[in-house]
């Protein structure tokens, strides 16, 4: 997969609420084995929903903590204080542009990730986030914060999403799967080819 897309970060879902959840011991083996084979720098992201602080303390082999629930600014600060050299990414699922105002309470976070709003579940829905919401999203971020867009991002819409949102990155998941949790090599090859055209002309 990495030889196809050359990602800057790879996420492992540790949230038990997700059908893509990976057991912690398996996650650690994946990271260890990857580092033996690949030498390109990749950030490993622990995707979490309302994790106990004691659990977070055990995740020292990750580079990033992506908090996908209703974690408070105080909790994000605690995580940052425990691991000052690592990054904290906070996920928001705005239903309206007004919901973006909450981002300004999370200046301690390194990156803001916007996902599509859903009543049913958090992330992995394949739904695309509203372009109207994305138009001014960057203005709610602090100067030091990066903006990443998730939510139904695919080979068909990533160019428009990047252009409208002025984000620094996109989060790809369900759009390159053949079934839940299983990536489709052909879909990734198509996406990689379009990435190349978009960035290199």
Foldseek 3Di string as FASTA:
>chain_A
DCVQAVDQEDEAECEPVDPLHDDPVVVVVVLVVCVVPDVDHHFYEYEYEPDDPVVLLVPPVGQEYEYQYCDALVVQVVSCVSPVRGFYEYEDADPDLVSLLVQLRNLVGAEYEYEHDDPPDTDPPLAAHDLVSLQCNVVNHDPRYFYEYEYNDALVCVLVSCVRNVGPYYDDDNRQAPDHNHGHPVRSNSSSVSVCVSVPD
